[in-house]
Every structure is written in structure tokens, then in C-alpha cells.
């Protein structure tokens, strides 16, 4: 996965089907800048998504749709897409750390805070986690409460549970993970 922080450009979007319901993919040029579920908390107004393209064709939509299909079919463990994550430096740091949580595992907000070198910032980590603009691909669903229980998820707890159950059914990741640079 690669990421950049270049200036934003013209936005377009498309919608793809998934086991989690319709997913709205948003792009600026050839970079994916959003993946939103229906009725997702912190989902921008549809007017912020730009022109709707009827099919997920061209970059980055075709490749994103293909990789999501492979992920949901259990044939992909790591995404390799050009991302542009727009947020504060702290948010981007949290989102980069989310990509370090191995497939099929969960971390607590406290562990994530410790991982980024801010052990007392678990609440701020939770807020940044909740504003992740690229769900599923940047796996904010892998973060759980301090007791290991499922806590808030912008896409709803049923979706979070389904994503975690799906990932636990996948074979363990083999080899090194490709990490984004935010």
C-alpha cells in the first residue's frame, strides 16, 4: 500500500457491492481517498464525493474493486493500492499503525496508543480510528476495547464482527507485510 499527502484534486466516486453492503469508493485522480459504508458514522455528505461513475473502471477503482473482491473471497490478505489519506499528522500516524495490525488479530486502543509512542493517548487514538476515511483497507475494525470486547465502529458493530470473523477464517499471513508510508 502506498500513500501520499499531495494537494487534493478532482474527486470522483463509484459504488461496489460487498458482503458488508454497498461500498462507496472515492478517488482524487489515481489515488483512493475514501471507502465508506452505507450509514457509516463520519461519512461525508455525498456531495463531497464528486461525480459518480457508473462502473468501477479506471484507476484506482478497477484495482480497488478487484482487490476487495479477492479479500472478501479469502484470497487477499494485504492491499496494495495508491492511497491519499487526508487528516492531521496524528490521525495519519494512527491510520498507518492500523495497517500494522496483522490480519486475524485485534489490538486494543491502548496497545495502538503505545505502538505509536503515545501510551496515554488511547482516547485520541480512538477518535482518530473512528475518522479513518478508508475503511476495510485501513483496518480500523481490528481495534477493540480494553477488555477485548467489540466497541464502536463507524460501520456498525455487526459489520465489525463480520469483518473480524471473516479475517479469522483466512490463512495466517505469511512473510512480511507491505506497509504504507503516510
N, C-alpha and C. Protein backbone atom coordinates (compact mmCIF):
# COMPACT_ATOMS: atom_id res chain seq x y z
N UNK A 1 0.85 -1.16 0.00
CA UNK A 1 0.00 0.00 0.00
C UNK A 1 0.90 1.23 0.00
N UNK A 2 0.58 2.16 -0.82
CA UNK A 2 1.35 3.39 -0.82
C UNK A 2 0.42 4.55 -0.55
N UNK A 3 0.94 5.57 0.07
CA UNK A 3 0.11 6.73 0.38
C UNK A 3 0.90 8.00 0.10
N UNK A 4 0.17 9.06 -0.13
CA UNK A 4 0.78 10.35 -0.41
C UNK A 4 -0.03 11.43 0.28
N UNK A 5 0.55 12.61 0.41
CA UNK A 5 -0.18 13.72 1.02
C UNK A 5 -0.21 14.92 0.08
N UNK A 6 -0.18 14.66 -1.24
CA UNK A 6 -0.24 15.74 -2.22
C UNK A 6 -1.55 16.51 -2.08
N UNK A 7 -1.59 17.68 -2.71
CA UNK A 7 -2.79 18.51 -2.67
C UNK A 7 -3.95 17.79 -3.34
N UNK A 8 -5.17 17.97 -2.82
CA UNK A 8 -6.33 17.29 -3.39
C UNK A 8 -6.65 17.78 -4.80
N UNK A 9 -7.26 16.92 -5.57
CA UNK A 9 -7.67 17.25 -6.93
C UNK A 9 -9.15 16.97 -7.11
N UNK A 10 -9.55 16.78 -8.34
CA UNK A 10 -10.95 16.49 -8.69
C UNK A 10 -11.34 15.12 -8.12
N UNK A 11 -12.48 15.07 -7.49
CA UNK A 11 -12.97 13.82 -6.91
C UNK A 11 -14.01 13.17 -7.80
N UNK A 12 -13.96 11.84 -7.81
CA UNK A 12 -14.98 11.01 -8.45
C UNK A 12 -15.28 9.86 -7.49
N UNK A 13 -16.41 9.22 -7.72
CA UNK A 13 -16.72 8.06 -6.88
C UNK A 13 -17.51 7.03 -7.66
N UNK A 14 -17.54 5.84 -7.10
CA UNK A 14 -18.33 4.75 -7.63
C UNK A 14 -18.76 3.89 -6.45
N UNK A 15 -19.69 3.00 -6.68
CA UNK A 15 -20.19 2.12 -5.62
C UNK A 15 -20.01 0.68 -6.06
N UNK A 16 -19.47 -0.14 -5.16
CA UNK A 16 -19.30 -1.56 -5.44
C UNK A 16 -20.04 -2.35 -4.37
N UNK A 17 -20.50 -3.53 -4.75
CA UNK A 17 -21.16 -4.41 -3.80
C UNK A 17 -20.13 -5.18 -3.00
N UNK A 18 -20.49 -5.54 -1.77
CA UNK A 18 -19.62 -6.34 -0.93
C UNK A 18 -20.48 -7.10 0.08
N UNK A 19 -19.92 -8.07 0.76
CA UNK A 19 -20.67 -8.74 1.82
C UNK A 19 -21.08 -7.80 2.96
N UNK A 20 -20.43 -6.63 3.04
CA UNK A 20 -20.77 -5.62 4.05
C UNK A 20 -21.79 -4.62 3.53
N UNK A 21 -22.34 -4.88 2.36
CA UNK A 21 -23.25 -3.94 1.74
C UNK A 21 -22.50 -3.07 0.74
N UNK A 22 -23.19 -2.12 0.14
CA UNK A 22 -22.55 -1.26 -0.85
C UNK A 22 -21.41 -0.45 -0.22
N UNK A 23 -20.30 -0.37 -0.95
CA UNK A 23 -19.15 0.42 -0.52
C UNK A 23 -18.94 1.54 -1.51
N UNK A 24 -18.88 2.76 -1.02
CA UNK A 24 -18.61 3.92 -1.88
C UNK A 24 -17.12 4.16 -1.89
N UNK A 25 -16.54 4.07 -3.09
CA UNK A 25 -15.12 4.34 -3.28
C UNK A 25 -14.97 5.75 -3.81
N UNK A 26 -14.08 6.52 -3.23
CA UNK A 26 -13.86 7.91 -3.62
C UNK A 26 -12.40 8.06 -4.04
N UNK A 27 -12.18 8.75 -5.16
CA UNK A 27 -10.82 8.95 -5.66
C UNK A 27 -10.56 10.41 -5.96
N UNK A 28 -9.30 10.77 -5.84
CA UNK A 28 -8.77 12.04 -6.35
C UNK A 28 -7.70 11.63 -7.34
N UNK A 29 -7.96 11.84 -8.61
CA UNK A 29 -7.04 11.38 -9.63
C UNK A 29 -6.92 9.87 -9.54
N UNK A 30 -5.70 9.39 -9.43
CA UNK A 30 -5.45 7.95 -9.38
C UNK A 30 -5.30 7.42 -7.95
N UNK A 31 -5.61 8.25 -6.94
CA UNK A 31 -5.48 7.85 -5.54
C UNK A 31 -6.84 7.59 -4.92
N UNK A 32 -6.94 6.53 -4.15
CA UNK A 32 -8.13 6.25 -3.37
C UNK A 32 -8.08 7.14 -2.13
N UNK A 33 -9.14 7.92 -1.88
CA UNK A 33 -9.17 8.80 -0.72
C UNK A 33 -10.31 8.45 0.24
N UNK A 34 -11.18 7.53 -0.17
CA UNK A 34 -12.28 7.16 0.70
C UNK A 34 -12.86 5.81 0.35
N UNK A 35 -13.29 5.10 1.37
CA UNK A 35 -14.08 3.88 1.24
C UNK A 35 -15.09 3.94 2.38
N UNK A 36 -16.35 4.14 2.02
CA UNK A 36 -17.39 4.35 3.02
C UNK A 36 -18.51 3.34 2.88
N UNK A 37 -19.04 2.91 4.02
CA UNK A 37 -20.19 2.01 4.06
C UNK A 37 -21.46 2.84 4.16
N UNK A 38 -22.58 2.21 3.83
CA UNK A 38 -23.88 2.88 4.00
C UNK A 38 -24.08 3.18 5.47
N UNK A 39 -24.66 4.33 5.75
CA UNK A 39 -25.00 4.75 7.12
C UNK A 39 -23.79 4.74 8.05
N UNK A 40 -22.61 4.97 7.51
CA UNK A 40 -21.38 4.99 8.32
C UNK A 40 -21.27 6.30 9.08
N UNK A 41 -20.90 6.20 10.34
CA UNK A 41 -20.63 7.38 11.14
C UNK A 41 -19.43 8.11 10.52
N UNK A 42 -19.43 9.39 10.53
CA UNK A 42 -18.37 10.24 9.97
C UNK A 42 -18.29 10.14 8.44
N UNK A 43 -19.33 9.63 7.82
CA UNK A 43 -19.35 9.58 6.36
C UNK A 43 -19.65 10.99 5.86
N UNK A 44 -18.80 11.51 4.96
CA UNK A 44 -19.08 12.85 4.43
C UNK A 44 -20.39 12.85 3.63
N UNK A 45 -20.93 14.02 3.43
CA UNK A 45 -22.10 14.16 2.57
C UNK A 45 -21.73 13.71 1.16
N UNK A 46 -22.65 13.05 0.48
CA UNK A 46 -22.38 12.54 -0.86
C UNK A 46 -21.88 13.62 -1.82
N UNK A 47 -22.23 14.87 -1.57
CA UNK A 47 -21.79 15.94 -2.45
C UNK A 47 -20.27 16.12 -2.41
N UNK A 48 -19.61 15.62 -1.36
CA UNK A 48 -18.15 15.72 -1.25
C UNK A 48 -17.44 14.65 -2.07
N UNK A 49 -18.20 13.71 -2.64
CA UNK A 49 -17.59 12.59 -3.35
C UNK A 49 -17.32 12.88 -4.83
N UNK A 50 -17.84 13.97 -5.35
CA UNK A 50 -17.64 14.29 -6.77
C UNK A 50 -18.56 13.49 -7.67
N UNK A 51 -18.26 13.54 -8.94
CA UNK A 51 -19.09 12.87 -9.95
C UNK A 51 -19.13 11.36 -9.71
N UNK A 52 -20.32 10.78 -9.87
CA UNK A 52 -20.45 9.33 -9.73
C UNK A 52 -20.21 8.67 -11.07
N UNK A 53 -19.30 7.71 -11.06
CA UNK A 53 -19.04 6.90 -12.24
C UNK A 53 -19.87 5.64 -12.14
N UNK A 54 -20.54 5.23 -13.22
CA UNK A 54 -21.45 4.08 -13.13
C UNK A 54 -20.76 2.75 -12.89
N UNK A 55 -19.52 2.62 -13.29
CA UNK A 55 -18.79 1.36 -13.14
C UNK A 55 -17.45 1.64 -12.48
N UNK A 56 -16.92 0.67 -11.72
CA UNK A 56 -15.60 0.86 -11.12
C UNK A 56 -14.49 0.59 -12.14
N UNK A 57 -14.39 1.46 -13.13
CA UNK A 57 -13.36 1.27 -14.15
C UNK A 57 -12.30 2.35 -14.01
N UNK A 58 -11.13 2.07 -14.52
CA UNK A 58 -10.03 3.02 -14.46
C UNK A 58 -9.43 3.08 -13.07
N UNK A 59 -8.25 3.71 -12.99
CA UNK A 59 -7.58 3.82 -11.69
C UNK A 59 -8.24 4.87 -10.82
N UNK A 60 -8.32 4.62 -9.53
CA UNK A 60 -7.93 3.41 -8.83
C UNK A 60 -9.09 2.44 -8.63
N UNK A 61 -10.24 2.75 -9.23
CA UNK A 61 -11.46 1.98 -8.93
C UNK A 61 -11.40 0.52 -9.35
N UNK A 62 -10.95 0.25 -10.55
CA UNK A 62 -10.94 -1.14 -11.03
C UNK A 62 -10.05 -2.01 -10.14
N UNK A 63 -8.88 -1.50 -9.82
CA UNK A 63 -7.95 -2.28 -8.98
C UNK A 63 -8.48 -2.41 -7.56
N UNK A 64 -9.07 -1.37 -7.03
CA UNK A 64 -9.65 -1.44 -5.68
C UNK A 64 -10.76 -2.47 -5.64
N UNK A 65 -11.65 -2.44 -6.63
CA UNK A 65 -12.76 -3.41 -6.69
C UNK A 65 -12.21 -4.84 -6.78
N UNK A 66 -11.18 -5.03 -7.59
CA UNK A 66 -10.59 -6.36 -7.75
C UNK A 66 -9.99 -6.85 -6.43
N UNK A 67 -9.24 -5.97 -5.76
CA UNK A 67 -8.61 -6.38 -4.50
C UNK A 67 -9.63 -6.61 -3.39
N UNK A 68 -10.68 -5.81 -3.36
CA UNK A 68 -11.75 -6.04 -2.38
C UNK A 68 -12.43 -7.38 -2.64
N UNK A 69 -12.69 -7.68 -3.89
CA UNK A 69 -13.31 -8.96 -4.24
C UNK A 69 -12.42 -10.12 -3.79
N UNK A 70 -11.12 -10.01 -4.01
CA UNK A 70 -10.18 -11.05 -3.57
C UNK A 70 -10.16 -11.16 -2.05
N UNK A 71 -10.18 -10.02 -1.37
CA UNK A 71 -10.18 -10.02 0.10
C UNK A 71 -11.42 -10.74 0.63
N UNK A 72 -12.58 -10.37 0.12
CA UNK A 72 -13.81 -10.98 0.61
C UNK A 72 -13.94 -12.45 0.20
N UNK A 73 -13.23 -12.87 -0.84
CA UNK A 73 -13.23 -14.27 -1.26
C UNK A 73 -12.16 -15.08 -0.50
N UNK A 74 -11.39 -14.40 0.37
CA UNK A 74 -10.37 -15.09 1.15
C UNK A 74 -9.07 -15.31 0.39
N UNK A 75 -8.86 -14.60 -0.70
CA UNK A 75 -7.65 -14.78 -1.50
C UNK A 75 -6.67 -13.61 -1.37
N UNK A 76 -6.96 -12.63 -0.54
CA UNK A 76 -6.06 -11.47 -0.37
C UNK A 76 -5.98 -11.12 1.10
N UNK A 77 -4.76 -10.93 1.58
CA UNK A 77 -4.54 -10.55 2.97
C UNK A 77 -4.01 -9.14 3.10
N UNK A 78 -3.33 -8.63 2.07
CA UNK A 78 -2.71 -7.31 2.11
C UNK A 78 -3.17 -6.54 0.87
N UNK A 79 -3.57 -5.30 1.07
CA UNK A 79 -3.96 -4.44 -0.05
C UNK A 79 -2.75 -3.69 -0.55
N UNK A 80 -2.69 -3.48 -1.84
CA UNK A 80 -1.60 -2.75 -2.48
C UNK A 80 -2.23 -1.73 -3.42
N UNK A 81 -2.58 -0.58 -2.88
CA UNK A 81 -3.31 0.45 -3.63
C UNK A 81 -2.69 1.82 -3.38
N UNK A 82 -2.82 2.73 -4.33
CA UNK A 82 -2.34 4.10 -4.11
C UNK A 82 -3.37 4.87 -3.28
N UNK A 83 -3.00 5.19 -2.05
CA UNK A 83 -3.90 5.87 -1.13
C UNK A 83 -3.46 7.30 -0.90
N UNK A 84 -4.44 8.15 -0.64
CA UNK A 84 -4.18 9.51 -0.15
C UNK A 84 -5.11 9.70 1.04
N UNK A 85 -4.53 9.69 2.23
CA UNK A 85 -5.31 9.84 3.45
C UNK A 85 -5.18 11.27 3.95
N UNK A 86 -6.28 11.96 3.99
CA UNK A 86 -6.29 13.37 4.40
C UNK A 86 -6.71 13.46 5.86
N UNK A 87 -5.81 13.96 6.67
CA UNK A 87 -6.08 14.11 8.09
C UNK A 87 -4.92 14.82 8.74
N UNK A 88 -4.99 14.97 10.04
CA UNK A 88 -3.91 15.60 10.78
C UNK A 88 -2.71 14.64 10.81
N UNK A 89 -1.53 15.16 11.13
CA UNK A 89 -0.37 14.25 11.26
C UNK A 89 -0.64 13.12 12.27
N UNK A 90 -1.30 13.44 13.38
CA UNK A 90 -1.61 12.42 14.38
C UNK A 90 -2.54 11.36 13.79
N UNK A 91 -3.60 11.79 13.11
CA UNK A 91 -4.52 10.83 12.51
C UNK A 91 -3.79 9.93 11.51
N UNK A 92 -2.96 10.52 10.66
CA UNK A 92 -2.25 9.71 9.67
C UNK A 92 -1.30 8.72 10.35
N UNK A 93 -0.75 9.11 11.48
CA UNK A 93 0.12 8.20 12.23
C UNK A 93 -0.68 7.01 12.76
N UNK A 94 -1.87 7.29 13.29
CA UNK A 94 -2.74 6.22 13.79
C UNK A 94 -3.15 5.32 12.62
N UNK A 95 -3.55 5.91 11.50
CA UNK A 95 -4.00 5.11 10.36
C UNK A 95 -2.89 4.23 9.81
N UNK A 96 -1.65 4.75 9.81
CA UNK A 96 -0.51 3.94 9.37
C UNK A 96 -0.32 2.76 10.32
N UNK A 97 -0.47 3.01 11.62
CA UNK A 97 -0.31 1.94 12.61
C UNK A 97 -1.40 0.88 12.48
N UNK A 98 -2.60 1.28 12.08
CA UNK A 98 -3.67 0.31 11.87
C UNK A 98 -3.25 -0.75 10.85
N UNK A 99 -2.51 -0.32 9.85
CA UNK A 99 -2.08 -1.24 8.80
C UNK A 99 -1.01 -2.21 9.28
N UNK A 100 -0.51 -2.01 10.48
CA UNK A 100 0.48 -2.91 11.06
C UNK A 100 -0.16 -3.99 11.92
N UNK A 101 -1.46 -3.90 12.15
CA UNK A 101 -2.14 -4.93 12.92
C UNK A 101 -2.31 -6.14 12.00
N UNK A 102 -1.73 -7.27 12.37
CA UNK A 102 -1.80 -8.43 11.48
C UNK A 102 -3.24 -8.91 11.23
N UNK A 103 -3.45 -9.41 10.05
CA UNK A 103 -4.74 -9.98 9.68
C UNK A 103 -5.13 -11.05 10.69
N UNK A 104 -6.38 -11.03 11.11
CA UNK A 104 -6.86 -12.04 12.05
C UNK A 104 -6.55 -11.73 13.50
N UNK A 105 -5.92 -10.58 13.77
CA UNK A 105 -5.62 -10.18 15.15
C UNK A 105 -6.36 -8.90 15.48
N UNK A 106 -6.47 -8.64 16.76
CA UNK A 106 -7.02 -7.36 17.22
C UNK A 106 -6.06 -6.76 18.23
N UNK A 107 -6.07 -5.44 18.28
CA UNK A 107 -5.32 -4.69 19.28
C UNK A 107 -6.33 -3.83 20.02
N UNK A 108 -6.01 -3.48 21.25
CA UNK A 108 -6.84 -2.53 21.99
C UNK A 108 -6.40 -1.11 21.60
N UNK A 109 -7.25 -0.15 21.93
CA UNK A 109 -6.90 1.25 21.70
C UNK A 109 -5.62 1.59 22.47
N UNK A 110 -5.48 1.06 23.69
CA UNK A 110 -4.29 1.30 24.49
C UNK A 110 -3.04 0.75 23.84
N UNK A 111 -3.13 -0.45 23.30
CA UNK A 111 -1.96 -1.04 22.62
C UNK A 111 -1.59 -0.21 21.39
N UNK A 112 -2.59 0.24 20.66
CA UNK A 112 -2.33 1.06 19.48
C UNK A 112 -1.66 2.38 19.91
N UNK A 113 -2.13 2.97 21.00
CA UNK A 113 -1.52 4.20 21.51
C UNK A 113 -0.07 3.96 21.90
N UNK A 114 0.19 2.86 22.58
CA UNK A 114 1.57 2.52 22.94
C UNK A 114 2.42 2.30 21.69
N UNK A 115 1.85 1.64 20.70
CA UNK A 115 2.58 1.34 19.47
C UNK A 115 3.06 2.60 18.76
N UNK A 116 2.27 3.66 18.83
CA UNK A 116 2.69 4.90 18.15
C UNK A 116 3.49 5.82 19.09
N UNK A 117 3.81 5.31 20.29
CA UNK A 117 4.63 6.09 21.21
C UNK A 117 3.86 7.11 22.02
N UNK A 118 2.54 6.94 22.12
CA UNK A 118 1.69 7.87 22.88
C UNK A 118 0.82 7.07 23.85
N UNK A 119 1.44 6.43 24.86
CA UNK A 119 0.70 5.49 25.72
C UNK A 119 -0.48 6.08 26.48
N UNK A 120 -0.53 7.39 26.67
CA UNK A 120 -1.65 7.98 27.40
C UNK A 120 -2.72 8.54 26.45
N UNK A 121 -2.58 8.28 25.18
CA UNK A 121 -3.48 8.88 24.19
C UNK A 121 -4.51 7.90 23.62
N UNK A 122 -4.91 6.91 24.41
CA UNK A 122 -5.84 5.91 23.85
C UNK A 122 -7.17 6.53 23.43
N UNK A 123 -7.63 7.55 24.13
CA UNK A 123 -8.88 8.20 23.73
C UNK A 123 -8.71 8.94 22.40
N UNK A 124 -7.60 9.65 22.24
CA UNK A 124 -7.33 10.35 20.97
C UNK A 124 -7.13 9.35 19.84
N UNK A 125 -6.50 8.23 20.14
CA UNK A 125 -6.34 7.17 19.14
C UNK A 125 -7.72 6.66 18.71
N UNK A 126 -8.62 6.50 19.67
CA UNK A 126 -9.98 6.06 19.35
C UNK A 126 -10.69 7.04 18.44
N UNK A 127 -10.53 8.33 18.71
CA UNK A 127 -11.17 9.34 17.86
C UNK A 127 -10.59 9.31 16.45
N UNK A 128 -9.26 9.19 16.34
CA UNK A 128 -8.63 9.12 15.02
C UNK A 128 -9.06 7.86 14.29
N UNK A 129 -9.13 6.76 15.02
CA UNK A 129 -9.57 5.48 14.45
C UNK A 129 -10.96 5.62 13.85
N UNK A 130 -11.83 6.29 14.58
CA UNK A 130 -13.21 6.46 14.13
C UNK A 130 -13.35 7.33 12.89
N UNK A 131 -12.36 8.16 12.61
CA UNK A 131 -12.42 9.04 11.44
C UNK A 131 -11.61 8.51 10.26
N UNK A 132 -11.21 7.27 10.33
CA UNK A 132 -10.49 6.63 9.23
C UNK A 132 -11.32 6.75 7.95
N UNK A 133 -10.78 7.38 6.91
CA UNK A 133 -11.57 7.57 5.69
C UNK A 133 -11.56 6.39 4.73
N UNK A 134 -10.75 5.38 5.00
CA UNK A 134 -10.66 4.25 4.07
C UNK A 134 -10.85 2.96 4.85
N UNK A 135 -12.12 2.70 5.21
CA UNK A 135 -12.44 1.50 5.96
C UNK A 135 -12.05 0.23 5.22
N UNK A 136 -12.00 -0.86 5.91
CA UNK A 136 -11.65 -2.19 5.44
C UNK A 136 -10.17 -2.24 5.03
N UNK A 137 -9.77 -1.40 4.08
CA UNK A 137 -8.40 -1.41 3.57
C UNK A 137 -7.42 -0.91 4.64
N UNK A 138 -7.77 0.16 5.32
CA UNK A 138 -7.05 0.61 6.51
C UNK A 138 -7.88 0.06 7.67
N UNK A 139 -7.44 -1.06 8.25
CA UNK A 139 -8.31 -1.91 9.06
C UNK A 139 -8.64 -1.43 10.48
N UNK A 140 -9.42 -0.37 10.57
CA UNK A 140 -9.82 0.15 11.88
C UNK A 140 -10.73 -0.84 12.61
N UNK A 141 -11.30 -1.79 11.90
CA UNK A 141 -12.16 -2.80 12.54
C UNK A 141 -11.36 -3.75 13.43
N UNK A 142 -10.04 -3.73 13.34
CA UNK A 142 -9.20 -4.62 14.15
C UNK A 142 -8.89 -4.06 15.53
N UNK A 143 -9.50 -2.94 15.90
CA UNK A 143 -9.25 -2.33 17.21
C UNK A 143 -10.46 -2.59 18.10
N UNK A 144 -10.18 -3.07 19.32
CA UNK A 144 -11.23 -3.44 20.26
C UNK A 144 -11.03 -2.70 21.59
N UNK A 145 -12.01 -2.82 22.46
CA UNK A 145 -11.94 -2.19 23.76
C UNK A 145 -10.90 -2.85 24.66
N UNK A 146 -10.64 -2.22 25.79
CA UNK A 146 -9.57 -2.68 26.69
C UNK A 146 -9.79 -4.10 27.20
N UNK A 147 -11.03 -4.53 27.31
CA UNK A 147 -11.32 -5.90 27.75
C UNK A 147 -11.42 -6.88 26.59
N UNK A 148 -11.15 -6.40 25.38
CA UNK A 148 -11.21 -7.28 24.21
C UNK A 148 -12.57 -7.30 23.54
N UNK A 149 -13.54 -6.59 24.11
CA UNK A 149 -14.88 -6.58 23.53
C UNK A 149 -14.99 -5.63 22.35
N UNK A 150 -15.98 -5.89 21.52
CA UNK A 150 -16.23 -5.02 20.38
C UNK A 150 -16.79 -3.71 20.87
N UNK A 151 -16.16 -2.63 20.45
CA UNK A 151 -16.63 -1.30 20.81
C UNK A 151 -16.87 -0.55 19.51
N UNK A 152 -17.29 0.68 19.62
CA UNK A 152 -17.68 1.50 18.49
C UNK A 152 -16.98 1.21 17.18
N UNK A 153 -17.76 1.21 16.13
CA UNK A 153 -17.25 1.05 14.77
C UNK A 153 -18.16 1.87 13.87
N UNK A 154 -17.55 2.73 13.07
CA UNK A 154 -18.33 3.62 12.21
C UNK A 154 -19.29 2.91 11.30
N UNK A 155 -18.96 1.69 10.91
CA UNK A 155 -19.84 0.92 10.03
C UNK A 155 -20.85 0.08 10.78
N UNK A 156 -20.83 0.13 12.11
CA UNK A 156 -21.74 -0.65 12.94
C UNK A 156 -21.07 -1.91 13.46
N UNK A 157 -21.46 -2.32 14.65
CA UNK A 157 -20.83 -3.47 15.29
C UNK A 157 -21.07 -4.77 14.54
N UNK A 158 -22.22 -4.91 13.88
CA UNK A 158 -22.46 -6.14 13.10
C UNK A 158 -21.45 -6.28 11.98
N UNK A 159 -21.14 -5.18 11.31
CA UNK A 159 -20.14 -5.23 10.24
C UNK A 159 -18.74 -5.50 10.81
N UNK A 160 -18.43 -4.87 11.95
CA UNK A 160 -17.13 -5.10 12.57
C UNK A 160 -16.97 -6.58 12.91
N UNK A 161 -18.00 -7.14 13.52
CA UNK A 161 -17.97 -8.56 13.89
C UNK A 161 -17.80 -9.43 12.64
N UNK A 162 -18.52 -9.11 11.57
CA UNK A 162 -18.43 -9.89 10.33
C UNK A 162 -17.03 -9.80 9.72
N UNK A 163 -16.44 -8.61 9.72
CA UNK A 163 -15.09 -8.46 9.17
C UNK A 163 -14.08 -9.25 9.99
N UNK A 164 -14.18 -9.19 11.30
CA UNK A 164 -13.25 -9.93 12.15
C UNK A 164 -13.43 -11.44 11.99
N UNK A 165 -14.67 -11.90 11.92
CA UNK A 165 -14.91 -13.33 11.71
C UNK A 165 -14.36 -13.76 10.35
N UNK A 166 -14.55 -12.94 9.34
CA UNK A 166 -14.02 -13.25 8.01
C UNK A 166 -12.50 -13.38 8.05
N UNK A 167 -11.83 -12.44 8.69
CA UNK A 167 -10.37 -12.45 8.73
C UNK A 167 -9.82 -13.61 9.53
N UNK A 168 -10.49 -14.01 10.55
CA UNK A 168 -10.01 -15.15 11.34
C UNK A 168 -10.13 -16.44 10.54
N UNK A 169 -10.99 -16.45 9.53
CA UNK A 169 -11.16 -17.63 8.68
C UNK A 169 -10.08 -17.71 7.60
N UNK A 170 -9.38 -16.62 7.38
CA UNK A 170 -8.34 -16.61 6.35
C UNK A 170 -7.07 -17.27 6.90
N UNK A 171 -6.25 -17.84 6.01
CA UNK A 171 -4.98 -18.40 6.49
C UNK A 171 -4.11 -17.31 7.11
N UNK A 172 -3.28 -17.69 8.04
CA UNK A 172 -2.37 -16.72 8.67
C UNK A 172 -1.48 -16.09 7.62
N UNK A 173 -1.21 -14.82 7.83
CA UNK A 173 -0.36 -14.10 6.88
C UNK A 173 1.03 -14.72 6.87
N UNK A 174 1.56 -14.88 5.69
CA UNK A 174 2.90 -15.45 5.53
C UNK A 174 3.85 -14.37 5.06
N UNK A 175 5.00 -14.29 5.70
CA UNK A 175 6.01 -13.33 5.24
C UNK A 175 5.75 -11.93 5.71
N UNK A 176 6.52 -11.02 5.17
CA UNK A 176 6.45 -9.61 5.57
C UNK A 176 5.22 -8.93 5.01
N UNK A 177 4.75 -7.96 5.73
CA UNK A 177 3.60 -7.18 5.30
C UNK A 177 4.10 -5.93 4.59
N UNK A 178 3.37 -5.53 3.57
CA UNK A 178 3.70 -4.30 2.88
C UNK A 178 3.00 -3.16 3.62
N UNK A 179 3.77 -2.22 4.14
CA UNK A 179 3.22 -1.16 4.97
C UNK A 179 3.18 0.15 4.22
N UNK A 180 2.15 0.96 4.49
CA UNK A 180 2.06 2.24 3.83
C UNK A 180 2.98 3.27 4.48
N UNK A 181 3.31 4.27 3.76
CA UNK A 181 4.05 5.41 4.30
C UNK A 181 3.12 6.61 4.20
N UNK A 182 2.65 7.10 5.34
CA UNK A 182 1.68 8.20 5.34
C UNK A 182 2.38 9.51 5.54
